C-alpha atoms as a PDB file:
ATOM      1  CA  MET A   1      72.793 -42.313-157.010  1.00  0.00           C
ATOM      2  CA  ASN A   2      72.847 -41.772-160.779  1.00  0.00           C
ATOM      3  CA  ASN A   3      76.084 -39.746-160.580  1.00  0.00           C
ATOM      4  CA  LEU A   4      77.765 -42.480-158.540  1.00  0.00           C
ATOM      5  CA  PHE A   5      76.655 -45.115-161.056  1.00  0.00           C
ATOM      6  CA  GLU A   6      77.998 -43.007-163.975  1.00  0.00           C
ATOM      7  CA  LEU A   7      81.291 -42.499-162.144  1.00  0.00           C
ATOM      8  CA  ILE A   8      81.711 -46.249-161.599  1.00  0.00           C
ATOM      9  CA  ILE A   9      80.816 -47.085-165.232  1.00  0.00           C
ATOM     10  CA  ASN A  10      83.195 -44.415-166.613  1.00  0.00           C
ATOM     11  CA  ASN A  11      86.055 -45.676-164.462  1.00  0.00           C
ATOM     12  CA  ILE A  12      85.407 -49.298-165.431  1.00  0.00           C
ATOM     13  CA  THR A  13      85.475 -48.444-169.149  1.00  0.00           C
ATOM     14  CA  THR A  14      88.655 -46.391-168.685  1.00  0.00           C
ATOM     15  CA  PHE A  15      90.267 -49.265-166.798  1.00  0.00           C
ATOM     16  CA  LEU A  16      89.216 -51.769-169.498  1.00  0.00           C
ATOM     17  CA  ASP A  17      90.616 -49.436-172.184  1.00  0.00           C
ATOM     18  CA  TYR A  18      94.021 -49.603-170.471  1.00  0.00           C
ATOM     19  CA  LEU A  19      93.888 -53.428-170.416  1.00  0.00           C
ATOM     20  CA  THR A  20      92.723 -53.933-174.010  1.00  0.00           C
ATOM     21  CA  PRO A  21      95.681 -54.621-176.363  1.00  0.00           C
ATOM     22  CA  VAL A  22      93.794 -54.216-179.684  1.00  0.00           C
ATOM     23  CA  ARG A  23      91.286 -51.741-181.089  1.00  0.00           C
ATOM     24  CA  TYR A  24      89.699 -51.310-184.504  1.00  0.00           C
ATOM     25  CA  CYS A  25      89.937 -47.891-186.160  1.00  0.00           C
ATOM     26  CA  ASN A  26      86.890 -47.031-188.265  1.00  0.00           C
ATOM     27  CA  LYS A  27      87.061 -45.186-191.570  1.00  0.00           C
ATOM     28  CA  GLY A  28      87.152 -41.415-191.080  1.00  0.00           C
ATOM     29  CA  PHE A  29      88.960 -41.637-187.752  1.00  0.00           C
ATOM     30  CA  ASN A  30      92.560 -41.911-186.650  1.00  0.00           C
ATOM     31  CA  VAL A  31      93.746 -43.615-183.490  1.00  0.00           C
ATOM     32  CA  VAL A  32      96.739 -42.150-181.706  1.00  0.00           C
ATOM     33  CA  ARG A  33      98.756 -44.536-179.538  1.00  0.00           C
ATOM     34  CA  LYS A  34     100.197 -42.863-176.453  1.00  0.00           C
ATOM     35  CA  THR A  35     102.948 -44.227-174.225  1.00  0.00           C
ATOM     36  CA  PHE A  36     102.637 -42.873-170.692  1.00  0.00           C
ATOM     37  CA  GLY A  37     100.501 -40.041-172.104  1.00  0.00           C
ATOM     38  CA  LYS A  38     102.930 -39.039-174.881  1.00  0.00           C
ATOM     39  CA  PRO A  39     101.598 -39.527-178.450  1.00  0.00           C
ATOM     40  CA  GLU A  40     103.905 -41.667-180.542  1.00  0.00           C
ATOM     41  CA  LYS A  41     102.068 -43.333-183.449  1.00  0.00           C
ATOM     42  CA  VAL A  42      98.980 -42.670-185.567  1.00  0.00           C
ATOM     43  CA  PHE A  43      96.899 -45.538-186.942  1.00  0.00           C
ATOM     44  CA  THR A  44      94.461 -45.128-189.811  1.00  0.00           C
ATOM     45  CA  THR A  45      91.685 -47.569-190.740  1.00  0.00           C
ATOM     46  CA  GLY A  46      92.256 -51.094-189.439  1.00  0.00           C
ATOM     47  CA  LEU A  47      93.529 -52.846-186.338  1.00  0.00           C
ATOM     48  CA  CYS A  48      95.572 -50.908-183.802  1.00  0.00           C
ATOM     49  CA  TYR A  49      97.749 -52.538-181.171  1.00  0.00           C
ATOM     50  CA  LYS A  50      99.338 -51.457-177.910  1.00  0.00           C
ATOM     51  CA  LEU A  51     100.953 -52.735-174.744  1.00  0.00           C
ATOM     52  CA  PRO A  52      98.297 -52.931-172.005  1.00  0.00           C
ATOM     53  CA  VAL A  53      98.631 -50.474-169.087  1.00  0.00           C
ATOM     54  CA  ILE A  54     101.763 -48.813-170.561  1.00  0.00           C
ATOM     55  CA  GLN A  55     100.078 -47.479-173.678  1.00  0.00           C
ATOM     56  CA  SER A  56      96.625 -46.069-174.386  1.00  0.00           C
ATOM     57  CA  PHE A  57      94.553 -45.029-177.409  1.00  0.00           C
ATOM     58  CA  ASP A  58      93.002 -41.686-178.292  1.00  0.00           C
ATOM     59  CA  ILE A  59      90.476 -41.381-181.133  1.00  0.00           C
ATOM     60  CA  VAL A  60      90.541 -38.361-183.481  1.00  0.00           C
ATOM     61  CA  ASN A  61      87.628 -37.554-185.796  1.00  0.00           C
ATOM     62  CA  MET A  62      89.098 -36.722-189.209  1.00  0.00           C
ATOM     63  CA  LYS A  63      85.718 -36.370-190.956  1.00  0.00           C
ATOM     64  CA  LYS A  64      84.148 -33.093-191.969  1.00  0.00           C
ATOM     65  CA  GLN A  65      82.496 -31.556-188.905  1.00  0.00           C
ATOM     66  CA  VAL A  66      79.757 -28.936-188.785  1.00  0.00           C
ATOM     67  CA  HIS A  67      79.598 -26.043-186.334  1.00  0.00           C
ATOM     68  CA  PHE A  68      76.765 -23.510-186.080  1.00  0.00           C
ATOM     69  CA  LEU A  69      77.866 -19.956-185.411  1.00  0.00           C
ATOM     70  CA  ASN A  70      75.941 -16.952-184.094  1.00  0.00           C
ATOM     71  CA  ALA A  71      77.986 -13.747-184.328  1.00  0.00           C
ATOM     72  CA  HIS A  72      77.004 -10.266-183.177  1.00  0.00           C
ATOM     73  CA  SER A  73      78.851  -7.021-183.716  1.00  0.00           C
ATOM     74  CA  VAL A  74      80.730  -5.684-180.724  1.00  0.00           C
ATOM     75  CA  LYS A  75      83.770  -3.452-180.279  1.00  0.00           C
ATOM     76  CA  SER A  76      86.246  -3.657-183.099  1.00  0.00           C
ATOM     77  CA  LYS A  77      89.990  -4.130-182.690  1.00  0.00           C
ATOM     78  CA  ASN A  78      90.641  -0.385-182.604  1.00  0.00           C
ATOM     79  CA  ASP A  79      88.223  -0.035-179.635  1.00  0.00           C
ATOM     80  CA  LYS A  80      85.643   1.892-181.620  1.00  0.00           C
ATOM     81  CA  VAL A  81      82.117   0.563-181.489  1.00  0.00           C
ATOM     82  CA  ILE A  82      80.881  -0.583-184.870  1.00  0.00           C
ATOM     83  CA  PRO A  83      78.093   1.894-185.727  1.00  0.00           C
ATOM     84  CA  TYR A  84      75.567  -0.756-186.637  1.00  0.00           C
ATOM     85  CA  ASN A  85      74.143  -3.890-185.133  1.00  0.00           C
ATOM     86  CA  ILE A  86      74.945  -6.945-187.211  1.00  0.00           C
ATOM     87  CA  THR A  87      73.835 -10.477-186.509  1.00  0.00           C
ATOM     88  CA  VAL A  88      75.230 -13.352-188.569  1.00  0.00           C
ATOM     89  CA  ASP A  89      74.080 -16.963-188.332  1.00  0.00           C
ATOM     90  CA  ALA A  90      76.276 -19.389-190.237  1.00  0.00           C
ATOM     91  CA  GLN A  91      77.072 -23.052-190.709  1.00  0.00           C
ATOM     92  CA  VAL A  92      80.808 -23.699-190.606  1.00  0.00           C
ATOM     93  CA  GLU A  93      82.342 -26.870-192.023  1.00  0.00           C
ATOM     94  CA  PHE A  94      85.816 -27.809-190.850  1.00  0.00           C
ATOM     95  CA  ARG A  95      88.142 -30.799-190.841  1.00  0.00           C
ATOM     96  CA  VAL A  96      91.104 -31.893-188.738  1.00  0.00           C
ATOM     97  CA  ILE A  97      94.107 -32.434-191.027  1.00  0.00           C
ATOM     98  CA  ASP A  98      96.738 -33.368-188.420  1.00  0.00           C
ATOM     99  CA  PRO A  99      95.572 -35.747-185.638  1.00  0.00           C
ATOM    100  CA  TYR A 100      98.243 -34.400-183.282  1.00  0.00           C
ATOM    101  CA  VAL A 101      96.491 -31.015-183.144  1.00  0.00           C
ATOM    102  CA  ILE A 102      94.369 -32.263-180.225  1.00  0.00           C
ATOM    103  CA  TYR A 103      97.484 -32.380-178.033  1.00  0.00           C
ATOM    104  CA  HIS A 104      98.455 -28.790-178.871  1.00  0.00           C
ATOM    105  CA  ILE A 105      95.159 -27.278-177.713  1.00  0.00           C
ATOM    106  CA  ASP A 106      95.790 -26.719-174.038  1.00  0.00           C
ATOM    107  CA  VAL A 107      92.190 -26.839-172.801  1.00  0.00           C
ATOM    108  CA  PHE A 108      91.070 -30.006-171.037  1.00  0.00           C
ATOM    109  CA  ASP A 109      88.097 -31.293-172.997  1.00  0.00           C
ATOM    110  CA  SER A 110      87.367 -34.789-171.581  1.00  0.00           C
ATOM    111  CA  GLY A 111      87.360 -36.323-175.049  1.00  0.00           C
ATOM    112  CA  ASN A 112      84.618 -34.283-176.744  1.00  0.00           C
ATOM    113  CA  ARG A 113      87.070 -32.029-178.647  1.00  0.00           C
ATOM    114  CA  GLU A 114      85.166 -28.837-177.783  1.00  0.00           C
ATOM    115  CA  PRO A 115      88.393 -26.720-178.023  1.00  0.00           C
ATOM    116  CA  LEU A 116      88.461 -27.487-181.770  1.00  0.00           C
ATOM    117  CA  ARG A 117      85.076 -25.821-182.110  1.00  0.00           C
ATOM    118  CA  ILE A 118      86.233 -22.899-179.944  1.00  0.00           C
ATOM    119  CA  TYR A 119      89.250 -22.429-182.234  1.00  0.00           C
ATOM    120  CA  VAL A 120      87.053 -22.578-185.357  1.00  0.00           C
ATOM    121  CA  ASP A 121      84.579 -20.160-183.761  1.00  0.00           C
ATOM    122  CA  ASN A 122      87.370 -17.653-183.046  1.00  0.00           C
ATOM    123  CA  GLU A 123      88.823 -17.960-186.547  1.00  0.00           C
ATOM    124  CA  VAL A 124      85.428 -17.364-188.167  1.00  0.00           C
ATOM    125  CA  HIS A 125      84.763 -14.379-185.881  1.00  0.00           C
ATOM    126  CA  LEU A 126      88.090 -12.841-186.949  1.00  0.00           C
ATOM    127  CA  LEU A 127      87.259 -13.478-190.606  1.00  0.00           C
ATOM    128  CA  LEU A 128      83.788 -11.925-190.194  1.00  0.00           C
ATOM    129  CA  ASP A 129      85.294  -8.925-188.418  1.00  0.00           C
ATOM    130  CA  ARG A 130      87.606  -8.289-191.394  1.00  0.00           C
ATOM    131  CA  VAL A 131      84.752  -8.625-193.888  1.00  0.00           C
ATOM    132  CA  LEU A 132      82.306  -6.478-191.901  1.00  0.00           C
ATOM    133  CA  GLN A 133      84.861  -3.656-191.507  1.00  0.00           C
ATOM    134  CA  THR A 134      84.659  -2.935-195.246  1.00  0.00           C
ATOM    135  CA  GLU A 135      82.542  -0.008-196.387  1.00  0.00           C
ATOM    136  CA  ASN A 136      80.343  -1.848-198.846  1.00  0.00           C
ATOM    137  CA  ILE A 137      78.606  -5.031-197.675  1.00  0.00           C
ATOM    138  CA  GLU A 138      76.450  -5.941-200.642  1.00  0.00           C
ATOM    139  CA  ASP A 139      76.919  -9.668-201.255  1.00  0.00           C
ATOM    140  CA  ILE A 140      78.091 -10.916-197.871  1.00  0.00           C
ATOM    141  CA  GLN A 141      78.325 -14.600-198.890  1.00  0.00           C
ATOM    142  CA  THR A 142      80.652 -13.789-201.800  1.00  0.00           C
ATOM    143  CA  LYS A 143      82.898 -11.629-199.603  1.00  0.00           C
ATOM    144  CA  ILE A 144      83.102 -14.347-196.942  1.00  0.00           C
ATOM    145  CA  ASN A 145      83.914 -16.971-199.608  1.00  0.00           C
ATOM    146  CA  GLU A 146      86.734 -14.745-200.901  1.00  0.00           C
ATOM    147  CA  ALA A 147      88.104 -14.112-197.408  1.00  0.00           C
ATOM    148  CA  LEU A 148      88.000 -17.837-196.599  1.00  0.00           C
ATOM    149  CA  LEU A 149      89.727 -18.714-199.880  1.00  0.00           C
ATOM    150  CA  ASN A 150      92.406 -16.133-199.081  1.00  0.00           C
ATOM    151  CA  ARG A 151      92.854 -17.614-195.566  1.00  0.00           C
ATOM    152  CA  ASN A 152      93.147 -21.170-196.899  1.00  0.00           C
ATOM    153  CA  THR A 153      95.554 -20.415-199.747  1.00  0.00           C
ATOM    154  CA  GLN A 154      97.996 -18.063-198.017  1.00  0.00           C
ATOM    155  CA  GLN A 155     101.323 -19.471-196.881  1.00  0.00           C
ATOM    156  CA  THR A 156     101.538 -19.416-193.100  1.00  0.00           C
ATOM    157  CA  ASP A 157     103.689 -20.762-190.311  1.00  0.00           C
ATOM    158  CA  ASP A 158     100.667 -20.971-188.006  1.00  0.00           C
ATOM    159  CA  TYR A 159     100.391 -24.653-187.056  1.00  0.00           C
ATOM    160  CA  PHE A 160      96.668 -24.480-186.281  1.00  0.00           C
ATOM    161  CA  LYS A 161      95.817 -23.011-189.693  1.00  0.00           C
ATOM    162  CA  LYS A 162      97.590 -25.973-191.285  1.00  0.00           C
ATOM    163  CA  ALA A 163      96.167 -28.584-188.882  1.00  0.00           C
ATOM    164  CA  ILE A 164      92.511 -27.456-188.878  1.00  0.00           C
ATOM    165  CA  LEU A 165      91.021 -26.604-192.271  1.00  0.00           C
ATOM    166  CA  ILE A 166      87.885 -24.447-192.389  1.00  0.00           C
ATOM    167  CA  GLU A 167      86.285 -25.608-195.624  1.00  0.00           C
ATOM    168  CA  ARG A 168      83.065 -23.617-195.941  1.00  0.00           C
ATOM    169  CA  ILE A 169      81.112 -20.891-194.198  1.00  0.00           C
ATOM    170  CA  ILE A 170      77.474 -20.800-195.269  1.00  0.00           C
ATOM    171  CA  ILE A 171      75.507 -17.738-194.164  1.00  0.00           C
ATOM    172  CA  SER A 172      71.986 -18.717-193.095  1.00  0.00           C
ATOM    173  CA  ALA A 173      70.939 -15.300-191.740  1.00  0.00           C
ATOM    174  CA  PHE A 174      72.440 -11.836-192.021  1.00  0.00           C
ATOM    175  CA  ASP A 175      70.695  -9.018-190.192  1.00  0.00           C
ATOM    176  CA  TYR A 176      72.017  -5.547-190.943  1.00  0.00           C
ATOM    177  CA  ASN A 177      69.971  -3.152-188.789  1.00  0.00           C
ATOM    178  CA  LEU A 178      71.061   0.401-188.118  1.00  0.00           C
ATOM    179  CA  SER A 179      71.123   1.347-184.476  1.00  0.00           C
ATOM    180  CA  ILE A 180      72.401   4.170-182.343  1.00  0.00           C
ATOM    181  CA  ARG A 181      75.050   3.391-179.747  1.00  0.00           C
ATOM    182  CA  HIS A 182      76.556   5.650-177.164  1.00  0.00           C
ATOM    183  CA  VAL A 183      79.974   5.031-175.672  1.00  0.00           C
ATOM    184  CA  GLN A 184      80.310   6.195-172.102  1.00  0.00           C
END
């Protein structure tokens, strides 16, 4: 019964969104106007307008977002097992720079923008993998800050690196325990 009620309410709000010609865009968000599903215009703070039924709105959070990451060492890129067990807990701060990036991530997310977090998670894992492959891991926070600065300042043609900015990675726990692993 509850699922049926939620389904009816969600469809009513979706239907009303198609009929509403005006929407207010709050500070820190952008509203993308779509015509028949194709994005055509971005509105910043203020009133947004559209043609009912033909056009629709999509809201993009442009504020700084926080993601909590738990990373564990696994096989490295060269298929050798890393000879130690490393656990890293971190807080990752990121921001959407280009509101159109949500249309380039080809995972259906039902409006919660989870693929953005998946992208950020993958980028941070790759960055950690590069840092943890070095011989000397003394001050891990400093090395991660340097690697992140290098990532953010390098010139790249990668659209996602330009559209989603990872601002900070704050290590909250770093466990560097030696362990024996056997590859079979």
